[in-house]
Protein backbone atom coordinates (compact mmCIF):
# COMPACT_ATOMS: atom_id res chain seq x y z
CA MET A 1 -13.93 2.32 7.48
CA GLN A 2 -11.68 3.91 10.18
CA ASN A 3 -8.26 4.83 8.96
CA SER A 4 -6.24 3.66 11.95
CA ARG A 5 -3.03 5.38 11.14
CA SER A 6 -4.54 8.88 10.66
CA GLY A 7 -8.12 8.83 12.75
CA VAL A 8 -9.69 9.98 9.54
CA ASN A 9 -12.99 8.23 8.51
CA ILE A 10 -12.25 6.74 5.01
CA HIS A 11 -15.40 6.05 2.60
CA GLU A 12 -14.41 4.07 -0.52
CA ILE A 13 -16.85 4.64 -3.33
CA THR A 14 -17.12 3.42 -6.93
CA ALA A 15 -17.62 6.34 -9.11
CA LYS A 16 -19.73 6.18 -12.23
CA SER A 17 -17.81 9.09 -14.01
CA LEU A 18 -14.59 10.91 -13.41
CA LEU A 19 -14.16 13.85 -15.77
CA HIS A 20 -16.29 16.83 -14.95
CA TYR A 21 -17.03 19.60 -17.49
CA HIS A 22 -17.78 23.15 -16.71
CA SER A 23 -18.08 25.95 -18.95
CA SER A 24 -16.05 28.72 -17.04
CA PRO A 25 -12.60 27.34 -16.88
CA LYS A 26 -9.68 28.61 -14.64
CA ALA A 27 -7.08 26.35 -16.23
CA THR A 28 -9.21 24.05 -18.01
CA ASN A 29 -12.74 22.91 -19.03
CA TRP A 30 -12.43 19.45 -17.56
CA ASP A 31 -11.68 18.53 -13.82
CA ILE A 32 -10.87 15.23 -11.96
CA ASN A 33 -11.00 15.11 -8.09
CA ILE A 34 -10.22 11.55 -6.95
CA TYR A 35 -11.00 12.35 -3.30
CA ARG A 36 -13.95 14.48 -1.63
CA GLY A 37 -12.60 15.66 1.44
CA CYS A 38 -9.26 16.81 2.39
CA GLY A 39 -6.80 16.00 5.03
CA HIS A 40 -4.92 19.46 4.90
CA GLY A 41 -7.58 21.15 6.86
CA CYS A 42 -6.80 24.64 5.58
CA VAL A 43 -8.79 27.41 7.44
CA TYR A 44 -9.51 29.32 4.49
CA CYS A 45 -10.41 26.18 2.37
CA PHE A 46 -13.35 27.19 -0.05
CA ALA A 47 -14.30 23.35 -0.79
CA ARG A 48 -15.58 22.68 2.64
CA TYR A 49 -19.02 23.20 1.35
CA SER A 50 -19.04 20.27 -0.94
CA HIS A 51 -19.96 17.33 1.54
CA GLU A 52 -23.26 19.52 2.29
CA TRP A 53 -23.92 20.42 -1.15
CA LEU A 54 -23.75 16.57 -2.05
CA GLY A 55 -26.28 15.98 0.61
CA ASP A 56 -23.93 14.57 3.29
CA GLY A 57 -23.81 17.50 5.63
CA LYS A 58 -23.54 15.10 8.78
CA ASN A 59 -19.71 14.49 7.92
CA ASP A 60 -16.97 16.70 8.25
CA PHE A 61 -14.99 18.01 5.05
CA PHE A 62 -11.51 17.31 6.74
CA ASN A 63 -12.18 14.20 8.71
CA ASP A 64 -14.55 12.26 6.49
CA ILE A 65 -12.68 11.62 3.24
CA TYR A 66 -14.13 9.83 0.23
CA VAL A 67 -11.95 7.88 -2.06
CA LYS A 68 -13.06 7.27 -5.57
CA ASN A 69 -11.42 3.42 -5.75
CA ASN A 70 -11.93 3.10 -9.55
CA CYS A 71 -10.26 6.13 -10.75
CA PRO A 72 -7.63 4.78 -13.22
CA GLU A 73 -9.72 2.44 -15.24
CA LEU A 74 -12.75 4.91 -15.25
CA LEU A 75 -10.28 7.64 -16.80
CA ASP A 76 -8.91 5.14 -19.41
CA ARG A 77 -12.51 4.31 -20.57
CA GLU A 78 -13.34 8.02 -20.77
CA LEU A 79 -10.31 9.15 -22.64
CA SER A 80 -10.75 6.15 -25.04
CA ARG A 81 -14.05 7.43 -26.34
CA SER A 82 -14.15 8.34 -29.78
CA GLY A 83 -15.68 12.02 -28.94
CA TRP A 84 -12.77 12.79 -26.79
CA LYS A 85 -10.35 15.33 -28.22
CA GLY A 86 -7.46 15.29 -26.01
CA CYS A 87 -8.66 18.30 -24.00
CA PRO A 88 -6.32 19.59 -20.93
CA ILE A 89 -7.59 18.22 -17.62
CA THR A 90 -7.20 19.66 -14.20
CA ILE A 91 -6.58 17.23 -11.49
CA GLY A 92 -7.03 18.58 -7.90
CA GLY A 93 -8.94 21.65 -8.50
CA VAL A 94 -11.08 21.04 -5.42
CA THR A 95 -9.42 18.65 -3.40
CA ASP A 96 -5.82 17.79 -3.28
CA SER A 97 -4.76 14.42 -5.04
CA TYR A 98 -1.73 14.26 -3.08
CA GLN A 99 -3.23 14.87 0.32
CA PRO A 100 -1.95 12.63 3.21
CA ILE A 101 -4.30 9.50 2.34
CA GLU A 102 -2.76 9.43 -1.08
CA SER A 103 0.49 7.92 0.42
CA GLU A 104 -1.64 4.85 1.16
CA TYR A 105 -4.17 4.53 -1.82
CA ARG A 106 -1.42 5.57 -4.44
CA ILE A 107 -4.15 6.42 -7.21
CA MET A 108 -2.17 9.11 -8.91
CA PRO A 109 0.75 7.07 -10.27
CA ASP A 110 -1.98 4.76 -12.34
CA LEU A 111 -3.66 8.07 -13.26
CA ILE A 112 -0.54 9.48 -14.62
CA LYS A 113 0.16 6.25 -16.50
CA VAL A 114 -3.24 6.56 -18.23
CA LEU A 115 -2.56 9.92 -19.06
CA ARG A 116 0.68 8.92 -20.70
CA ARG A 117 -0.73 6.26 -22.71
CA HIS A 118 -3.16 8.90 -24.13
CA ARG A 119 -0.70 11.48 -24.35
CA ASN A 120 -3.30 13.92 -22.71
CA PRO A 121 -2.24 17.39 -21.23
CA VAL A 122 -2.87 18.00 -17.62
CA VAL A 123 -2.50 20.65 -14.93
CA ILE A 124 -2.10 19.30 -11.28
CA ASN A 125 -2.72 21.39 -8.23
CA THR A 126 -1.40 20.12 -4.87
CA LYS A 127 0.03 21.56 -1.54
CA SER A 128 2.13 18.38 -0.84
CA ALA A 129 5.64 17.56 -1.58
CA LEU A 130 4.22 13.84 -1.81
CA ILE A 131 4.10 14.73 -5.66
CA LEU A 132 7.69 14.04 -5.74
CA ARG A 133 7.17 10.30 -5.47
CA ASP A 134 5.64 10.60 -9.08
CA LEU A 135 8.71 12.63 -10.27
CA ASP A 136 9.81 10.20 -12.63
CA LEU A 137 6.26 9.35 -14.25
CA LEU A 138 5.60 13.17 -14.39
CA GLY A 139 8.66 13.78 -16.15
CA ASP A 140 7.88 10.83 -18.63
CA LEU A 141 4.51 12.31 -19.07
CA ALA A 142 6.10 15.80 -19.78
CA ARG A 143 8.27 14.35 -22.65
CA VAL A 144 5.06 13.69 -24.76
CA THR A 145 2.51 16.33 -23.65
CA GLU A 146 2.22 19.47 -21.66
CA VAL A 147 2.23 19.05 -17.96
CA ARG A 148 1.61 22.18 -15.43
CA VAL A 149 1.97 21.52 -11.81
CA GLY A 150 0.92 24.19 -9.48
CA THR A 151 1.01 24.87 -5.66
CA SER A 152 -0.59 27.37 -3.53
CA VAL A 153 1.90 28.98 -0.94
CA ILE A 154 0.66 31.94 1.37
CA THR A 155 3.46 32.29 3.59
CA LEU A 156 6.88 30.71 4.49
CA ASP A 157 6.27 31.61 8.24
CA GLU A 158 5.88 28.02 9.61
CA ASN A 159 4.15 29.03 12.93
CA LEU A 160 1.48 30.91 11.02
CA SER A 161 0.88 28.06 8.53
CA ALA A 162 0.80 25.47 11.10
CA PHE A 163 -2.54 27.12 12.28
CA LEU A 164 -3.81 28.19 8.90
CA GLU A 165 -2.91 24.88 7.02
CA PRO A 166 -2.23 22.35 9.88
CA GLY A 167 -2.20 19.17 7.56
CA ALA A 168 -0.11 20.62 4.83
CA PRO A 169 3.70 20.72 4.55
CA GLY A 170 5.33 23.94 5.02
CA GLY A 171 5.51 26.34 2.11
CA ALA A 172 9.15 26.01 1.47
CA SER A 173 9.08 22.59 0.77
CA ARG A 174 6.35 22.98 -1.54
CA LEU A 175 8.34 25.34 -3.51
CA ASP A 176 11.26 23.40 -3.54
CA ALA A 177 9.34 20.54 -5.08
CA MET A 178 8.11 22.73 -7.73
CA GLY A 179 11.68 23.30 -8.58
CA GLN A 180 12.35 19.53 -8.88
CA LEU A 181 9.25 19.21 -11.14
CA GLY A 182 10.50 22.12 -13.20
CA ARG A 183 13.82 20.54 -13.81
CA ALA A 184 11.98 17.41 -14.82
CA GLY A 185 10.09 19.01 -17.74
CA CYS A 186 6.97 20.13 -15.96
CA ARG A 187 5.76 23.78 -16.30
CA THR A 188 5.41 25.17 -12.77
CA ILE A 189 3.00 27.53 -11.27
CA LEU A 190 2.70 29.56 -7.85
CA LEU A 191 -0.63 30.39 -6.62
CA MET A 192 0.09 33.04 -3.97
CA ALA A 193 -3.37 32.73 -2.77
CA PRO A 194 -5.48 33.62 -1.05
CA VAL A 195 -3.75 36.67 0.31
CA ILE A 196 -5.30 37.07 3.74
CA PRO A 197 -5.52 40.73 4.90
CA LEU A 198 -3.63 41.46 8.20
CA LEU A 199 -1.88 37.99 8.02
CA THR A 200 -0.16 37.49 4.63
CA ASP A 201 -0.45 40.89 2.90
CA SER A 202 2.72 42.28 3.95
CA ILE A 203 5.36 43.11 1.54
CA GLU A 204 7.85 41.10 3.54
CA ASN A 205 5.70 38.00 3.63
CA MET A 206 5.09 38.17 -0.27
CA LYS A 207 8.46 38.84 -1.15
CA SER A 208 9.91 35.80 0.78
CA VAL A 209 7.35 33.55 -1.10
CA LEU A 210 8.25 35.16 -4.61
CA ASP A 211 11.90 35.05 -3.71
CA ARG A 212 11.95 31.56 -2.89
CA ALA A 213 9.49 30.81 -6.24
CA GLN A 214 11.90 32.61 -8.29
CA HIS A 215 14.98 30.58 -6.87
CA ASN A 216 13.19 27.64 -7.77
CA GLY A 217 12.55 28.65 -11.35
CA ILE A 218 8.76 28.89 -10.97
CA GLU A 219 7.56 30.09 -14.34
CA ILE A 220 3.77 30.90 -13.77
CA MET A 221 2.32 33.26 -10.89
CA MET A 222 -1.23 34.06 -9.89
CA SER A 223 -2.48 35.72 -6.67
CA TRP A 224 -6.13 36.79 -5.44
CA HIS A 225 -7.40 37.98 -2.10
CA LEU A 226 -9.40 35.91 0.61
CA LYS A 227 -13.30 35.61 -0.38
CA LEU A 228 -15.46 34.93 2.67
CA ARG A 229 -17.93 32.65 1.54
CA GLY A 230 -20.10 30.33 3.47
CA GLY A 231 -18.21 28.06 6.02
CA VAL A 232 -14.95 30.11 5.30
CA ARG A 233 -16.29 33.05 7.19
CA ARG A 234 -17.20 30.95 10.22
CA ALA A 235 -13.60 29.29 10.08
CA ILE A 236 -11.83 32.51 9.71
CA ASP A 237 -13.86 34.10 12.66
CA THR A 238 -13.02 31.22 14.82
CA PHE A 239 -9.19 31.56 13.91
CA PHE A 240 -9.23 35.26 14.72
CA ARG A 241 -11.13 34.71 18.11
CA GLU A 242 -8.57 32.03 18.96
CA ARG A 243 -5.31 33.39 17.60
CA HIS A 244 -5.54 37.17 16.90
CA SER A 245 -8.39 38.71 18.92
CA ASP A 246 -6.72 41.88 18.64
CA LEU A 247 -7.04 42.02 14.97
CA ARG A 248 -10.49 40.43 14.41
CA GLY A 249 -12.42 43.71 14.44
CA THR A 250 -10.20 45.24 11.73
CA PHE A 251 -10.16 42.31 9.68
CA PHE A 252 -14.01 42.13 9.46
CA ARG A 253 -14.31 45.88 9.09
CA LEU A 254 -12.55 45.07 5.59
CA TYR A 255 -15.33 42.74 4.71
CA SER A 256 -18.19 44.74 6.39
CA SER A 257 -20.33 44.15 3.23
CA GLY A 258 -19.22 40.49 2.84
CA LYS A 259 -16.69 41.43 0.33
CA LEU A 260 -13.40 42.93 0.79
CA THR A 261 -13.62 46.80 0.62
CA GLU A 262 -12.73 48.43 -2.64
CA GLU A 263 -10.52 50.79 -0.99
CA TYR A 264 -8.62 48.16 0.44
CA ARG A 265 -8.30 46.18 -2.66
CA ASP A 266 -7.23 49.09 -4.79
CA TRP A 267 -4.46 49.87 -2.41
CA HIS A 268 -3.38 46.45 -1.91
CA ASP A 269 -3.55 45.56 -5.54
CA ARG A 270 -1.33 48.65 -6.30
CA ILE A 271 1.25 47.23 -3.80
CA MET A 272 1.13 43.74 -5.20
CA LYS A 273 1.42 45.13 -8.78
CA LYS A 274 4.75 46.97 -7.88
CA ILE A 275 6.12 43.78 -6.03
CA PHE A 276 5.31 41.49 -8.72
CA SER A 277 6.94 43.81 -11.64
CA GLN A 278 10.36 42.97 -9.79
CA TYR A 279 10.04 39.52 -10.92
CA GLN A 280 10.09 37.51 -14.17
CA PHE A 281 6.85 35.33 -13.61
CA ASN A 282 4.49 34.73 -16.65
CA LEU A 283 0.77 34.92 -16.53
CA PRO A 284 -1.13 31.73 -17.11
CA SER A 285 -1.85 30.99 -20.86
CA PRO A 286 -4.20 28.53 -22.67
CA ILE A 287 -2.90 24.94 -23.12
CA LYS A 288 -3.26 24.31 -26.66
CA THR A 289 -3.24 20.79 -28.10
CA GLU A 290 -3.22 19.71 -31.88
CA SER A 291 -6.20 17.56 -31.21
CA MET A 292 -8.57 20.15 -29.66
CA SER A 293 -11.61 21.10 -31.79
CA ASP A 294 -14.30 23.54 -31.88
CA GLY A 295 -16.60 21.01 -30.05
CA PHE A 296 -14.76 21.97 -26.86
CA GLU A 297 -14.55 25.22 -25.35
CA ARG A 298 -10.99 26.34 -24.91
CA PRO A 299 -9.49 27.59 -21.95
CA ILE A 300 -9.49 31.43 -21.72
CA GLN A 301 -6.60 33.72 -20.58
CA MET A 302 -6.52 33.95 -16.68
CA GLN A 303 -5.87 37.35 -15.15
CA LEU A 304 -3.16 37.87 -12.54
CA PHE A 305 -5.90 38.95 -9.78
CA GLU A 306 -9.23 37.33 -9.66
């Protein structure tokens, strides 16, 4: 059906399963994505491939969004299984669960209530201050299990972010939201990623983000550089052609082999490490629960740079 408020095509589907297991975790081995497609429209979005990968290449990732309309009951059923050992779950690892249409569908409040009932630890990733709508629920969940909430912020320059992340709130509001979540008992994470050469890699830009994050008491920080994969390369090329044609040649020379040159990476990693040493952020660590067993692979220690 057509969403008349936003102009986005919404496709409601009934999911057969919700929890997805993968053996090479970033934060956890288990993921939930309640939406497929995302209204943030980030130029650098790595997930834009997912429609095509699932055989739906005719639809646009940013304008055709699939809603799993049975998420809370499905999660309750899956967490109630005798074989479930309370493993940490990541929500929104591919598509943001607090993207604009969540204000209408309101799936997350009921999902959080299910997690609270089962006392199941969770990691939530979002670019949206809409998560503050559920502040009380998340604070209540954090009183019985570990709750980590992360946001990705690449710049506080609103003019730049308006082109790179046109559907997302500004970076400052995201970091301020993390501050409120931290005071409610959640552990908070900054993903200063992806760092985009020539656009967000300056010392001034990175320090402005880190200063705001530190002011808001963010505990954990990670960062990595942009990877030019699939549709991301085409989208970035279009961005440079339209907005920074003077930088386009230099930018793509840094990715001449398809990957960021080792020379640039080594140089910029040294700069990043020097900057990060001025702050008191922690690296991510595994979430441990008493109920985790050897039957489920535990999360591994993540590195500062991927």
